[in-house]
Structure formats: structure tokens, C-alpha cells
PDB file of N, CA and C in Angstrom:
ATOM      1  N   UNK A   1      -1.052  -1.595  32.728  1.00  0.00           N
ATOM      2  CA  UNK A   1      -0.662  -0.299  33.180  1.00  0.00           C
ATOM      3  C   UNK A   1       0.220   0.403  32.163  1.00  0.00           C
ATOM      4  N   UNK A   2       1.188  -0.342  31.591  1.00  0.00           N
ATOM      5  CA  UNK A   2       2.101   0.279  30.636  1.00  0.00           C
ATOM      6  C   UNK A   2       1.385   0.699  29.366  1.00  0.00           C
ATOM      7  N   UNK A   3       0.351  -0.052  28.970  1.00  0.00           N
ATOM      8  CA  UNK A   3      -0.361   0.313  27.751  1.00  0.00           C
ATOM      9  C   UNK A   3      -1.127   1.622  27.941  1.00  0.00           C
ATOM     10  N   UNK A   4      -1.687   1.836  29.120  1.00  0.00           N
ATOM     11  CA  UNK A   4      -2.371   3.092  29.392  1.00  0.00           C
ATOM     12  C   UNK A   4      -1.416   4.268  29.414  1.00  0.00           C
ATOM     13  N   UNK A   5      -0.247   4.061  30.002  1.00  0.00           N
ATOM     14  CA  UNK A   5       0.763   5.115  30.027  1.00  0.00           C
ATOM     15  C   UNK A   5       1.268   5.419  28.624  1.00  0.00           C
ATOM     16  N   UNK A   6       1.488   4.385  27.832  1.00  0.00           N
ATOM     17  CA  UNK A   6       1.935   4.567  26.461  1.00  0.00           C
ATOM     18  C   UNK A   6       0.877   5.295  25.631  1.00  0.00           C
ATOM     19  N   UNK A   7      -0.382   4.963  25.843  1.00  0.00           N
ATOM     20  CA  UNK A   7      -1.465   5.655  25.141  1.00  0.00           C
ATOM     21  C   UNK A   7      -1.551   7.123  25.529  1.00  0.00           C
ATOM     22  N   UNK A   8      -1.406   7.413  26.805  1.00  0.00           N
ATOM     23  CA  UNK A   8      -1.461   8.807  27.258  1.00  0.00           C
ATOM     24  C   UNK A   8      -0.296   9.611  26.701  1.00  0.00           C
ATOM     25  N   UNK A   9       0.887   9.025  26.696  1.00  0.00           N
ATOM     26  CA  UNK A   9       2.053   9.721  26.152  1.00  0.00           C
ATOM     27  C   UNK A   9       1.883   9.970  24.654  1.00  0.00           C
ATOM     28  N   UNK A  10       1.335   9.001  23.934  1.00  0.00           N
ATOM     29  CA  UNK A  10       1.158   9.185  22.491  1.00  0.00           C
ATOM     30  C   UNK A  10       0.146  10.284  22.187  1.00  0.00           C
ATOM     31  N   UNK A  11      -0.918  10.373  22.974  1.00  0.00           N
ATOM     32  CA  UNK A  11      -1.909  11.427  22.756  1.00  0.00           C
ATOM     33  C   UNK A  11      -1.306  12.795  23.062  1.00  0.00           C
ATOM     34  N   UNK A  12      -0.546  12.895  24.148  1.00  0.00           N
ATOM     35  CA  UNK A  12       0.087  14.171  24.485  1.00  0.00           C
ATOM     36  C   UNK A  12       1.072  14.587  23.399  1.00  0.00           C
ATOM     37  N   UNK A  13       1.857  13.640  22.886  1.00  0.00           N
ATOM     38  CA  UNK A  13       2.795  13.967  21.819  1.00  0.00           C
ATOM     39  C   UNK A  13       2.073  14.346  20.527  1.00  0.00           C
ATOM     40  N   UNK A  14       0.947  13.703  20.238  1.00  0.00           N
ATOM     41  CA  UNK A  14       0.168  14.085  19.054  1.00  0.00           C
ATOM     42  C   UNK A  14      -0.383  15.494  19.201  1.00  0.00           C
ATOM     43  N   UNK A  15      -0.841  15.846  20.408  1.00  0.00           N
ATOM     44  CA  UNK A  15      -1.295  17.220  20.649  1.00  0.00           C
ATOM     45  C   UNK A  15      -0.148  18.202  20.469  1.00  0.00           C
ATOM     46  N   UNK A  16       1.041  17.845  20.944  1.00  0.00           N
ATOM     47  CA  UNK A  16       2.201  18.735  20.820  1.00  0.00           C
ATOM     48  C   UNK A  16       2.584  18.934  19.352  1.00  0.00           C
ATOM     49  N   UNK A  17       2.560  17.873  18.566  1.00  0.00           N
ATOM     50  CA  UNK A  17       2.890  17.987  17.151  1.00  0.00           C
ATOM     51  C   UNK A  17       1.862  18.855  16.436  1.00  0.00           C
ATOM     52  N   UNK A  18       0.603  18.693  16.778  1.00  0.00           N
ATOM     53  CA  UNK A  18      -0.442  19.517  16.178  1.00  0.00           C
ATOM     54  C   UNK A  18      -0.271  20.971  16.581  1.00  0.00           C
ATOM     55  N   UNK A  19       0.082  21.216  17.817  1.00  0.00           N
ATOM     56  CA  UNK A  19       0.286  22.590  18.283  1.00  0.00           C
ATOM     57  C   UNK A  19       1.476  23.243  17.577  1.00  0.00           C
ATOM     58  N   UNK A  20       2.533  22.481  17.373  1.00  0.00           N
ATOM     59  CA  UNK A  20       3.693  23.015  16.660  1.00  0.00           C
ATOM     60  C   UNK A  20       3.329  23.300  15.199  1.00  0.00           C
ATOM     61  N   UNK A  21       2.546  22.417  14.589  1.00  0.00           N
ATOM     62  CA  UNK A  21       2.166  22.621  13.189  1.00  0.00           C
ATOM     63  C   UNK A  21       1.277  23.848  13.020  1.00  0.00           C
ATOM     64  N   UNK A  22       0.483  24.145  14.020  1.00  0.00           N
ATOM     65  CA  UNK A  22      -0.381  25.324  13.946  1.00  0.00           C
ATOM     66  C   UNK A  22       0.348  26.583  14.381  1.00  0.00           C
ATOM     67  N   UNK A  23       1.591  26.455  14.780  1.00  0.00           N
ATOM     68  CA  UNK A  23       2.459  27.571  15.173  1.00  0.00           C
ATOM     69  C   UNK A  23       1.880  28.390  16.321  1.00  0.00           C
ATOM     70  N   UNK A  24       1.185  27.751  17.221  1.00  0.00           N
ATOM     71  CA  UNK A  24       0.668  28.444  18.397  1.00  0.00           C
ATOM     72  C   UNK A  24      -0.544  29.314  18.138  1.00  0.00           C
ATOM     73  N   UNK A  25      -1.032  29.351  16.918  1.00  0.00           N
ATOM     74  CA  UNK A  25      -2.195  30.175  16.582  1.00  0.00           C
ATOM     75  C   UNK A  25      -3.447  29.302  16.579  1.00  0.00           C
ATOM     76  N   UNK A  26      -3.807  28.819  17.731  1.00  0.00           N
ATOM     77  CA  UNK A  26      -4.949  27.917  17.819  1.00  0.00           C
ATOM     78  C   UNK A  26      -6.210  28.687  18.166  1.00  0.00           C
ATOM     79  N   UNK A  27      -7.291  28.195  17.627  1.00  0.00           N
ATOM     80  CA  UNK A  27      -8.617  28.734  17.937  1.00  0.00           C
ATOM     81  C   UNK A  27      -9.521  27.562  18.286  1.00  0.00           C
ATOM     82  N   UNK A  28     -10.739  27.858  18.609  1.00  0.00           N
ATOM     83  CA  UNK A  28     -11.669  26.770  18.928  1.00  0.00           C
ATOM     84  C   UNK A  28     -12.017  25.967  17.686  1.00  0.00           C
ATOM     85  N   UNK A  29     -11.782  26.526  16.515  1.00  0.00           N
ATOM     86  CA  UNK A  29     -12.032  25.773  15.284  1.00  0.00           C
ATOM     87  C   UNK A  29     -11.004  24.666  15.078  1.00  0.00           C
ATOM     88  N   UNK A  30      -9.915  24.704  15.818  1.00  0.00           N
ATOM     89  CA  UNK A  30      -8.868  23.697  15.694  1.00  0.00           C
ATOM     90  C   UNK A  30      -9.076  22.502  16.609  1.00  0.00           C
ATOM     91  N   UNK A  31     -10.124  22.489  17.378  1.00  0.00           N
ATOM     92  CA  UNK A  31     -10.388  21.366  18.296  1.00  0.00           C
ATOM     93  C   UNK A  31     -10.506  20.045  17.540  1.00  0.00           C
ATOM     94  N   UNK A  32     -11.191  19.985  16.384  1.00  0.00           N
ATOM     95  CA  UNK A  32     -11.232  18.696  15.670  1.00  0.00           C
ATOM     96  C   UNK A  32      -9.858  18.210  15.228  1.00  0.00           C
ATOM     97  N   UNK A  33      -8.939  19.108  14.933  1.00  0.00           N
ATOM     98  CA  UNK A  33      -7.589  18.688  14.567  1.00  0.00           C
ATOM     99  C   UNK A  33      -6.895  17.996  15.733  1.00  0.00           C
ATOM    100  N   UNK A  34      -7.055  18.564  16.919  1.00  0.00           N
ATOM    101  CA  UNK A  34      -6.457  17.949  18.107  1.00  0.00           C
ATOM    102  C   UNK A  34      -7.108  16.595  18.412  1.00  0.00           C
ATOM    103  N   UNK A  35      -8.416  16.532  18.298  1.00  0.00           N
ATOM    104  CA  UNK A  35      -9.107  15.268  18.570  1.00  0.00           C
ATOM    105  C   UNK A  35      -8.715  14.197  17.563  1.00  0.00           C
ATOM    106  N   UNK A  36      -8.603  14.584  16.296  1.00  0.00           N
ATOM    107  CA  UNK A  36      -8.208  13.628  15.272  1.00  0.00           C
ATOM    108  C   UNK A  36      -6.776  13.146  15.504  1.00  0.00           C
ATOM    109  N   UNK A  37      -5.885  14.056  15.856  1.00  0.00           N
ATOM    110  CA  UNK A  37      -4.490  13.665  16.122  1.00  0.00           C
ATOM    111  C   UNK A  37      -4.417  12.706  17.304  1.00  0.00           C
ATOM    112  N   UNK A  38      -5.143  12.997  18.367  1.00  0.00           N
ATOM    113  CA  UNK A  38      -5.146  12.117  19.529  1.00  0.00           C
ATOM    114  C   UNK A  38      -5.733  10.758  19.222  1.00  0.00           C
ATOM    115  N   UNK A  39      -6.820  10.745  18.478  1.00  0.00           N
ATOM    116  CA  UNK A  39      -7.487   9.484  18.145  1.00  0.00           C
ATOM    117  C   UNK A  39      -6.600   8.622  17.256  1.00  0.00           C
ATOM    118  N   UNK A  40      -5.943   9.242  16.262  1.00  0.00           N
ATOM    119  CA  UNK A  40      -5.082   8.477  15.366  1.00  0.00           C
ATOM    120  C   UNK A  40      -3.895   7.884  16.119  1.00  0.00           C
ATOM    121  N   UNK A  41      -3.287   8.652  17.001  1.00  0.00           N
ATOM    122  CA  UNK A  41      -2.142   8.119  17.739  1.00  0.00           C
ATOM    123  C   UNK A  41      -2.584   7.025  18.708  1.00  0.00           C
ATOM    124  N   UNK A  42      -3.738   7.196  19.316  1.00  0.00           N
ATOM    125  CA  UNK A  42      -4.248   6.176  20.230  1.00  0.00           C
ATOM    126  C   UNK A  42      -4.599   4.886  19.491  1.00  0.00           C
ATOM    127  N   UNK A  43      -5.118   5.025  18.274  1.00  0.00           N
ATOM    128  CA  UNK A  43      -5.447   3.831  17.482  1.00  0.00           C
ATOM    129  C   UNK A  43      -4.185   3.061  17.118  1.00  0.00           C
ATOM    130  N   UNK A  44      -3.134   3.758  16.753  1.00  0.00           N
ATOM    131  CA  UNK A  44      -1.882   3.085  16.400  1.00  0.00           C
ATOM    132  C   UNK A  44      -1.285   2.401  17.627  1.00  0.00           C
ATOM    133  N   UNK A  45      -1.284   3.093  18.766  1.00  0.00           N
ATOM    134  CA  UNK A  45      -0.732   2.504  19.987  1.00  0.00           C
ATOM    135  C   UNK A  45      -1.559   1.292  20.427  1.00  0.00           C
ATOM    136  N   UNK A  46      -2.873   1.379  20.297  1.00  0.00           N
ATOM    137  CA  UNK A  46      -3.721   0.238  20.676  1.00  0.00           C
ATOM    138  C   UNK A  46      -3.422  -0.978  19.801  1.00  0.00           C
ATOM    139  N   UNK A  47      -3.192  -0.759  18.510  1.00  0.00           N
ATOM    140  CA  UNK A  47      -2.864  -1.881  17.630  1.00  0.00           C
ATOM    141  C   UNK A  47      -1.495  -2.472  17.959  1.00  0.00           C
ATOM    142  N   UNK A  48      -0.534  -1.625  18.261  1.00  0.00           N
ATOM    143  CA  UNK A  48       0.805  -2.123  18.603  1.00  0.00           C
ATOM    144  C   UNK A  48       0.773  -2.896  19.919  1.00  0.00           C
ATOM    145  N   UNK A  49       0.090  -2.359  20.918  1.00  0.00           N
ATOM    146  CA  UNK A  49       0.001  -3.050  22.211  1.00  0.00           C
ATOM    147  C   UNK A  49      -0.770  -4.353  22.068  1.00  0.00           C
ATOM    148  N   UNK A  50      -1.848  -4.340  21.297  1.00  0.00           N
ATOM    149  CA  UNK A  50      -2.599  -5.574  21.068  1.00  0.00           C
ATOM    150  C   UNK A  50      -1.769  -6.625  20.350  1.00  0.00           C
ATOM    151  N   UNK A  51      -0.980  -6.189  19.368  1.00  0.00           N
ATOM    152  CA  UNK A  51      -0.098  -7.129  18.668  1.00  0.00           C
ATOM    153  C   UNK A  51       0.971  -7.698  19.579  1.00  0.00           C
ATOM    154  N   UNK A  52       1.525  -6.863  20.451  1.00  0.00           N
ATOM    155  CA  UNK A  52       2.535  -7.343  21.395  1.00  0.00           C
ATOM    156  C   UNK A  52       1.933  -8.349  22.379  1.00  0.00           C
ATOM    157  N   UNK A  53       0.723  -8.073  22.840  1.00  0.00           N
ATOM    158  CA  UNK A  53       0.071  -9.024  23.747  1.00  0.00           C
ATOM    159  C   UNK A  53      -0.247 -10.341  23.047  1.00  0.00           C
ATOM    160  N   UNK A  54      -0.691 -10.257  21.800  1.00  0.00           N
ATOM    161  CA  UNK A  54      -0.978 -11.480  21.047  1.00  0.00           C
ATOM    162  C   UNK A  54       0.292 -12.288  20.821  1.00  0.00           C
ATOM    163  N   UNK A  55       1.393 -11.593  20.551  1.00  0.00           N
ATOM    164  CA  UNK A  55       2.661 -12.282  20.365  1.00  0.00           C
ATOM    165  C   UNK A  55       3.126 -12.950  21.659  1.00  0.00           C
ATOM    166  N   UNK A  56       2.946 -12.277  22.784  1.00  0.00           N
ATOM    167  CA  UNK A  56       3.317 -12.863  24.074  1.00  0.00           C
ATOM    168  C   UNK A  56       2.468 -14.093  24.379  1.00  0.00           C
ATOM    169  N   UNK A  57       1.167 -14.016  24.096  1.00  0.00           N
ATOM    170  CA  UNK A  57       0.293 -15.171  24.306  1.00  0.00           C
ATOM    171  C   UNK A  57       0.691 -16.323  23.381  1.00  0.00           C
ATOM    172  N   UNK A  58       1.042 -16.006  22.139  1.00  0.00           N
ATOM    173  CA  UNK A  58       1.420 -17.067  21.199  1.00  0.00           C
ATOM    174  C   UNK A  58       2.684 -17.780  21.662  1.00  0.00           C
ATOM    175  N   UNK A  59       3.687 -17.011  22.115  1.00  0.00           N
ATOM    176  CA  UNK A  59       4.903 -17.646  22.620  1.00  0.00           C
ATOM    177  C   UNK A  59       4.616 -18.464  23.880  1.00  0.00           C
ATOM    178  N   UNK A  60       3.719 -17.976  24.724  1.00  0.00           N
ATOM    179  CA  UNK A  60       3.338 -18.737  25.913  1.00  0.00           C
ATOM    180  C   UNK A  60       2.652 -20.045  25.565  1.00  0.00           C
ATOM    181  N   UNK A  61       1.776 -20.000  24.577  1.00  0.00           N
ATOM    182  CA  UNK A  61       1.095 -21.228  24.140  1.00  0.00           C
ATOM    183  C   UNK A  61       2.080 -22.215  23.523  1.00  0.00           C
ATOM    184  N   UNK A  62       3.035 -21.709  22.765  1.00  0.00           N
ATOM    185  CA  UNK A  62       4.050 -22.606  22.191  1.00  0.00           C
ATOM    186  C   UNK A  62       4.914 -23.235  23.276  1.00  0.00           C
ATOM    187  N   UNK A  63       5.193 -22.485  24.325  1.00  0.00           N
ATOM    188  CA  UNK A  63       6.000 -23.019  25.419  1.00  0.00           C
ATOM    189  C   UNK A  63       5.230 -24.089  26.184  1.00  0.00           C
ATOM    190  N   UNK A  64       3.937 -23.909  26.327  1.00  0.00           N
ATOM    191  CA  UNK A  64       3.134 -24.856  27.103  1.00  0.00           C
ATOM    192  C   UNK A  64       2.809 -26.144  26.351  1.00  0.00           C
ATOM    193  N   UNK A  65       3.053 -26.162  25.068  1.00  0.00           N
ATOM    194  CA  UNK A  65       2.697 -27.365  24.311  1.00  0.00           C
ATOM    195  C   UNK A  65       3.609 -28.537  24.619  1.00  0.00           C
ATOM    196  N   UNK A  66       4.745 -28.273  25.226  1.00  0.00           N
ATOM    197  CA  UNK A  66       5.641 -29.350  25.639  1.00  0.00           C
ATOM    198  C   UNK A  66       6.421 -29.920  24.480  1.00  0.00           C
ATOM    199  N   UNK A  67       6.539 -31.245  24.462  1.00  0.00           N
ATOM    200  CA  UNK A  67       7.339 -31.921  23.440  1.00  0.00           C
ATOM    201  C   UNK A  67       6.541 -32.291  22.206  1.00  0.00           C
ATOM    202  N   UNK A  68       5.275 -31.995  22.196  1.00  0.00           N
ATOM    203  CA  UNK A  68       4.470 -32.331  21.012  1.00  0.00           C
ATOM    204  C   UNK A  68       4.895 -31.452  19.840  1.00  0.00           C
ATOM    205  N   UNK A  69       5.068 -32.056  18.717  1.00  0.00           N
ATOM    206  CA  UNK A  69       5.511 -31.342  17.522  1.00  0.00           C
ATOM    207  C   UNK A  69       4.295 -30.943  16.685  1.00  0.00           C
ATOM    208  N   UNK A  70       4.223 -29.680  16.340  1.00  0.00           N
ATOM    209  CA  UNK A  70       3.155 -29.197  15.469  1.00  0.00           C
ATOM    210  C   UNK A  70       3.722 -29.133  14.057  1.00  0.00           C
ATOM    211  N   UNK A  71       3.141 -29.893  13.126  1.00  0.00           N
ATOM    212  CA  UNK A  71       3.724 -29.928  11.781  1.00  0.00           C
ATOM    213  C   UNK A  71       3.535 -28.598  11.038  1.00  0.00           C
ATOM    214  N   UNK A  72       4.556 -28.229  10.310  1.00  0.00           N
ATOM    215  CA  UNK A  72       4.554 -27.037   9.451  1.00  0.00           C
ATOM    216  C   UNK A  72       4.229 -25.750  10.205  1.00  0.00           C
ATOM    217  N   UNK A  73       4.691 -25.631  11.425  1.00  0.00           N
ATOM    218  CA  UNK A  73       4.461 -24.431  12.220  1.00  0.00           C
ATOM    219  C   UNK A  73       5.192 -23.226  11.633  1.00  0.00           C
ATOM    220  N   UNK A  74       6.271 -23.465  10.937  1.00  0.00           N
ATOM    221  CA  UNK A  74       7.045 -22.376  10.348  1.00  0.00           C
ATOM    222  C   UNK A  74       6.312 -21.687   9.198  1.00  0.00           C
ATOM    223  N   UNK A  75       5.252 -22.275   8.678  1.00  0.00           N
ATOM    224  CA  UNK A  75       4.514 -21.669   7.568  1.00  0.00           C
ATOM    225  C   UNK A  75       3.537 -20.588   8.018  1.00  0.00           C
ATOM    226  N   UNK A  76       3.232 -20.524   9.294  1.00  0.00           N
ATOM    227  CA  UNK A  76       2.253 -19.546   9.779  1.00  0.00           C
ATOM    228  C   UNK A  76       2.732 -18.113   9.572  1.00  0.00           C
ATOM    229  N   UNK A  77       3.961 -17.732   9.945  1.00  0.00           N
ATOM    230  CA  UNK A  77       4.385 -16.352   9.673  1.00  0.00           C
ATOM    231  C   UNK A  77       4.426 -16.020   8.181  1.00  0.00           C
ATOM    232  N   UNK A  78       4.820 -16.982   7.362  1.00  0.00           N
ATOM    233  CA  UNK A  78       4.849 -16.744   5.917  1.00  0.00           C
ATOM    234  C   UNK A  78       3.439 -16.526   5.374  1.00  0.00           C
ATOM    235  N   UNK A  79       2.479 -17.281   5.868  1.00  0.00           N
ATOM    236  CA  UNK A  79       1.097 -17.111   5.413  1.00  0.00           C
ATOM    237  C   UNK A  79       0.532 -15.771   5.868  1.00  0.00           C
ATOM    238  N   UNK A  80       0.841 -15.366   7.095  1.00  0.00           N
ATOM    239  CA  UNK A  80       0.380 -14.067   7.568  1.00  0.00           C
ATOM    240  C   UNK A  80       1.002 -12.925   6.769  1.00  0.00           C
ATOM    241  N   UNK A  81       2.286 -13.040   6.446  1.00  0.00           N
ATOM    242  CA  UNK A  81       2.940 -12.018   5.633  1.00  0.00           C
ATOM    243  C   UNK A  81       2.328 -11.964   4.242  1.00  0.00           C
ATOM    244  N   UNK A  82       1.993 -13.112   3.672  1.00  0.00           N
ATOM    245  CA  UNK A  82       1.366 -13.147   2.357  1.00  0.00           C
ATOM    246  C   UNK A  82      -0.001 -12.474   2.371  1.00  0.00           C
ATOM    247  N   UNK A  83      -0.783 -12.733   3.415  1.00  0.00           N
ATOM    248  CA  UNK A  83      -2.099 -12.093   3.534  1.00  0.00           C
ATOM    249  C   UNK A  83      -1.948 -10.588   3.694  1.00  0.00           C
ATOM    250  N   UNK A  84      -0.999 -10.150   4.516  1.00  0.00           N
ATOM    251  CA  UNK A  84      -0.778  -8.723   4.724  1.00  0.00           C
ATOM    252  C   UNK A  84      -0.322  -8.034   3.446  1.00  0.00           C
ATOM    253  N   UNK A  85       0.638  -8.629   2.747  1.00  0.00           N
ATOM    254  CA  UNK A  85       1.125  -8.033   1.502  1.00  0.00           C
ATOM    255  C   UNK A  85       0.060  -8.003   0.423  1.00  0.00           C
ATOM    256  N   UNK A  86      -0.756  -9.047   0.340  1.00  0.00           N
ATOM    257  CA  UNK A  86      -1.848  -9.059  -0.627  1.00  0.00           C
ATOM    258  C   UNK A  86      -2.831  -7.941  -0.349  1.00  0.00           C
ATOM    259  N   UNK A  87      -3.164  -7.735   0.922  1.00  0.00           N
ATOM    260  CA  UNK A  87      -4.083  -6.653   1.269  1.00  0.00           C
ATOM    261  C   UNK A  87      -3.507  -5.287   0.974  1.00  0.00           C
ATOM    262  N   UNK A  88      -2.214  -5.109   1.248  1.00  0.00           N
ATOM    263  CA  UNK A  88      -1.582  -3.814   0.972  1.00  0.00           C
ATOM    264  C   UNK A  88      -1.465  -3.542  -0.515  1.00  0.00           C
ATOM    265  N   UNK A  89      -1.131  -4.566  -1.288  1.00  0.00           N
ATOM    266  CA  UNK A  89      -1.011  -4.369  -2.725  1.00  0.00           C
ATOM    267  C   UNK A  89      -2.371  -4.165  -3.380  1.00  0.00           C
ATOM    268  N   UNK A  90      -3.401  -4.825  -2.863  1.00  0.00           N
ATOM    269  CA  UNK A  90      -4.744  -4.661  -3.427  1.00  0.00           C
ATOM    270  C   UNK A  90      -5.294  -3.274  -3.135  1.00  0.00           C
ATOM    271  N   UNK A  91      -4.895  -2.679  -2.029  1.00  0.00           N
ATOM    272  CA  UNK A  91      -5.393  -1.346  -1.699  1.00  0.00           C
ATOM    273  C   UNK A  91      -4.522  -0.248  -2.283  1.00  0.00           C
ATOM    274  N   UNK A  92      -3.488  -0.587  -2.997  1.00  0.00           N
ATOM    275  CA  UNK A  92      -2.617   0.397  -3.613  1.00  0.00           C
ATOM    276  C   UNK A  92      -1.676   1.053  -2.627  1.00  0.00           C
ATOM    277  N   UNK A  93      -1.473   0.438  -1.476  1.00  0.00           N
ATOM    278  CA  UNK A  93      -0.581   1.015  -0.478  1.00  0.00           C
ATOM    279  C   UNK A  93      -1.179   2.207   0.245  1.00  0.00           C
ATOM    280  N   UNK A  94      -2.481   2.382   0.148  1.00  0.00           N
ATOM    281  CA  UNK A  94      -3.104   3.563   0.747  1.00  0.00           C
ATOM    282  C   UNK A  94      -3.056   3.530   2.268  1.00  0.00           C
ATOM    283  N   UNK A  95      -2.891   2.376   2.860  1.00  0.00           N
ATOM    284  CA  UNK A  95      -2.804   2.301   4.315  1.00  0.00           C
ATOM    285  C   UNK A  95      -1.551   3.012   4.811  1.00  0.00           C
ATOM    286  N   UNK A  96      -0.424   2.776   4.167  1.00  0.00           N
ATOM    287  CA  UNK A  96       0.804   3.447   4.570  1.00  0.00           C
ATOM    288  C   UNK A  96       0.730   4.947   4.312  1.00  0.00           C
ATOM    289  N   UNK A  97       0.101   5.324   3.211  1.00  0.00           N
ATOM    290  CA  UNK A  97      -0.029   6.747   2.906  1.00  0.00           C
ATOM    291  C   UNK A  97      -0.905   7.416   3.952  1.00  0.00           C
ATOM    292  N   UNK A  98      -1.984   6.762   4.327  1.00  0.00           N
ATOM    293  CA  UNK A  98      -2.890   7.345   5.325  1.00  0.00           C
ATOM    294  C   UNK A  98      -2.225   7.449   6.690  1.00  0.00           C
ATOM    295  N   UNK A  99      -1.421   6.476   7.063  1.00  0.00           N
ATOM    296  CA  UNK A  99      -0.776   6.512   8.367  1.00  0.00           C
ATOM    297  C   UNK A  99       0.428   7.451   8.400  1.00  0.00           C
ATOM    298  N   UNK A 100       1.019   7.707   7.240  1.00  0.00           N
ATOM    299  CA  UNK A 100       2.193   8.568   7.226  1.00  0.00           C
ATOM    300  C   UNK A 100       1.851  10.045   7.098  1.00  0.00           C
ATOM    301  N   UNK A 101       0.601  10.358   6.757  1.00  0.00           N
ATOM    302  CA  UNK A 101       0.217  11.765   6.658  1.00  0.00           C
ATOM    303  C   UNK A 101       0.135  12.382   8.035  1.00  0.00           C
ATOM    304  N   UNK A 102       0.400  13.651   8.082  1.00  0.00           N
ATOM    305  CA  UNK A 102       0.270  14.380   9.337  1.00  0.00           C
ATOM    306  C   UNK A 102      -1.208  14.536   9.676  1.00  0.00           C
ATOM    307  N   UNK A 103      -1.580  14.537  10.956  1.00  0.00           N
ATOM    308  CA  UNK A 103      -2.992  14.607  11.323  1.00  0.00           C
ATOM    309  C   UNK A 103      -3.646  15.905  10.880  1.00  0.00           C
ATOM    310  N   UNK A 104      -2.882  16.989  10.795  1.00  0.00           N
ATOM    311  CA  UNK A 104      -3.500  18.267  10.440  1.00  0.00           C
ATOM    312  C   UNK A 104      -3.728  18.379   8.942  1.00  0.00           C
ATOM    313  N   UNK A 105      -3.122  17.522   8.117  1.00  0.00           N
ATOM    314  CA  UNK A 105      -3.376  17.592   6.677  1.00  0.00           C
ATOM    315  C   UNK A 105      -4.564  16.745   6.272  1.00  0.00           C
ATOM    316  N   UNK A 106      -4.936  15.782   7.075  1.00  0.00           N
ATOM    317  CA  UNK A 106      -6.040  14.902   6.696  1.00  0.00           C
ATOM    318  C   UNK A 106      -7.397  15.496   7.058  1.00  0.00           C
ATOM    319  N   UNK A 107      -7.428  16.469   7.937  1.00  0.00           N
ATOM    320  CA  UNK A 107      -8.699  17.069   8.342  1.00  0.00           C
ATOM    321  C   UNK A 107      -8.531  18.579   8.324  1.00  0.00           C
ATOM    322  N   UNK A 108      -8.540  19.135   7.147  1.00  0.00           N
ATOM    323  CA  UNK A 108      -8.342  20.571   7.019  1.00  0.00           C
ATOM    324  C   UNK A 108      -9.694  21.265   7.060  1.00  0.00           C
ATOM    325  N   UNK A 109      -9.863  22.143   8.027  1.00  0.00           N
ATOM    326  CA  UNK A 109     -11.130  22.844   8.181  1.00  0.00           C
ATOM    327  C   UNK A 109     -11.075  24.247   7.613  1.00  0.00           C
ATOM    328  N   UNK A 110      -9.925  24.655   7.145  1.00  0.00           N
ATOM    329  CA  UNK A 110      -9.801  26.024   6.620  1.00  0.00           C
ATOM    330  C   UNK A 110      -9.841  26.048   5.142  1.00  0.00           C
TER     331      UNK A 110
END
């Protein structure tokens, strides 16, 4: 339930930011800008909610394992960070640039 509410709020806020950027002078040609802003915010929220759920499941699985010791469990976050950093450095950091751009600058129809 909370993920749906969070997604709806993010889409509404993305529409509001797009409306402010267009200074209230919207036309029907601006519909793709609104759709792109909503889709981008929903994609980010879906990834964050999915990551939070995966983290909750991982902690639950670790709790259920009991007294059994898993060797070198501390290396998993380091390996994931290494994979993430390698991917970001190989792409030239374009993922952060793409996510930090405003939705109305990435899809300019004028």
C-alpha cells in the first residue's frame, strides 16, 4: 500500500515540477513532457521500493538462519559496491547525469 502511495505522490510532484518549469504556459504539445516526468519519477520510486523490499527480505533470511555461521558474509556488500562502481565508471558516470537532469530538458519538443 505504501509503495503505491509513494508512487502516486512522486508522479504528482513530477507533474508539478514540470508545470512550474513550463511557467503555466502548457499546451497539448507538452503532454509528452508530463508523461516522461511521471514515468521517470515512477521508475526511480519503483527501484527504491524494490531495493527496500529486497533489503528487508535479506535481513529476514539472515535472522532465520539461526546459529549457523556463513563464512565471509561481510564480503557481499563490498562485492556489490565493486560491481556498481565498475559499471558506473565504465559508463562514464552517465547514469548519474541522466538521473540528475530535469525531465523537461531530456525531451525537448520545441
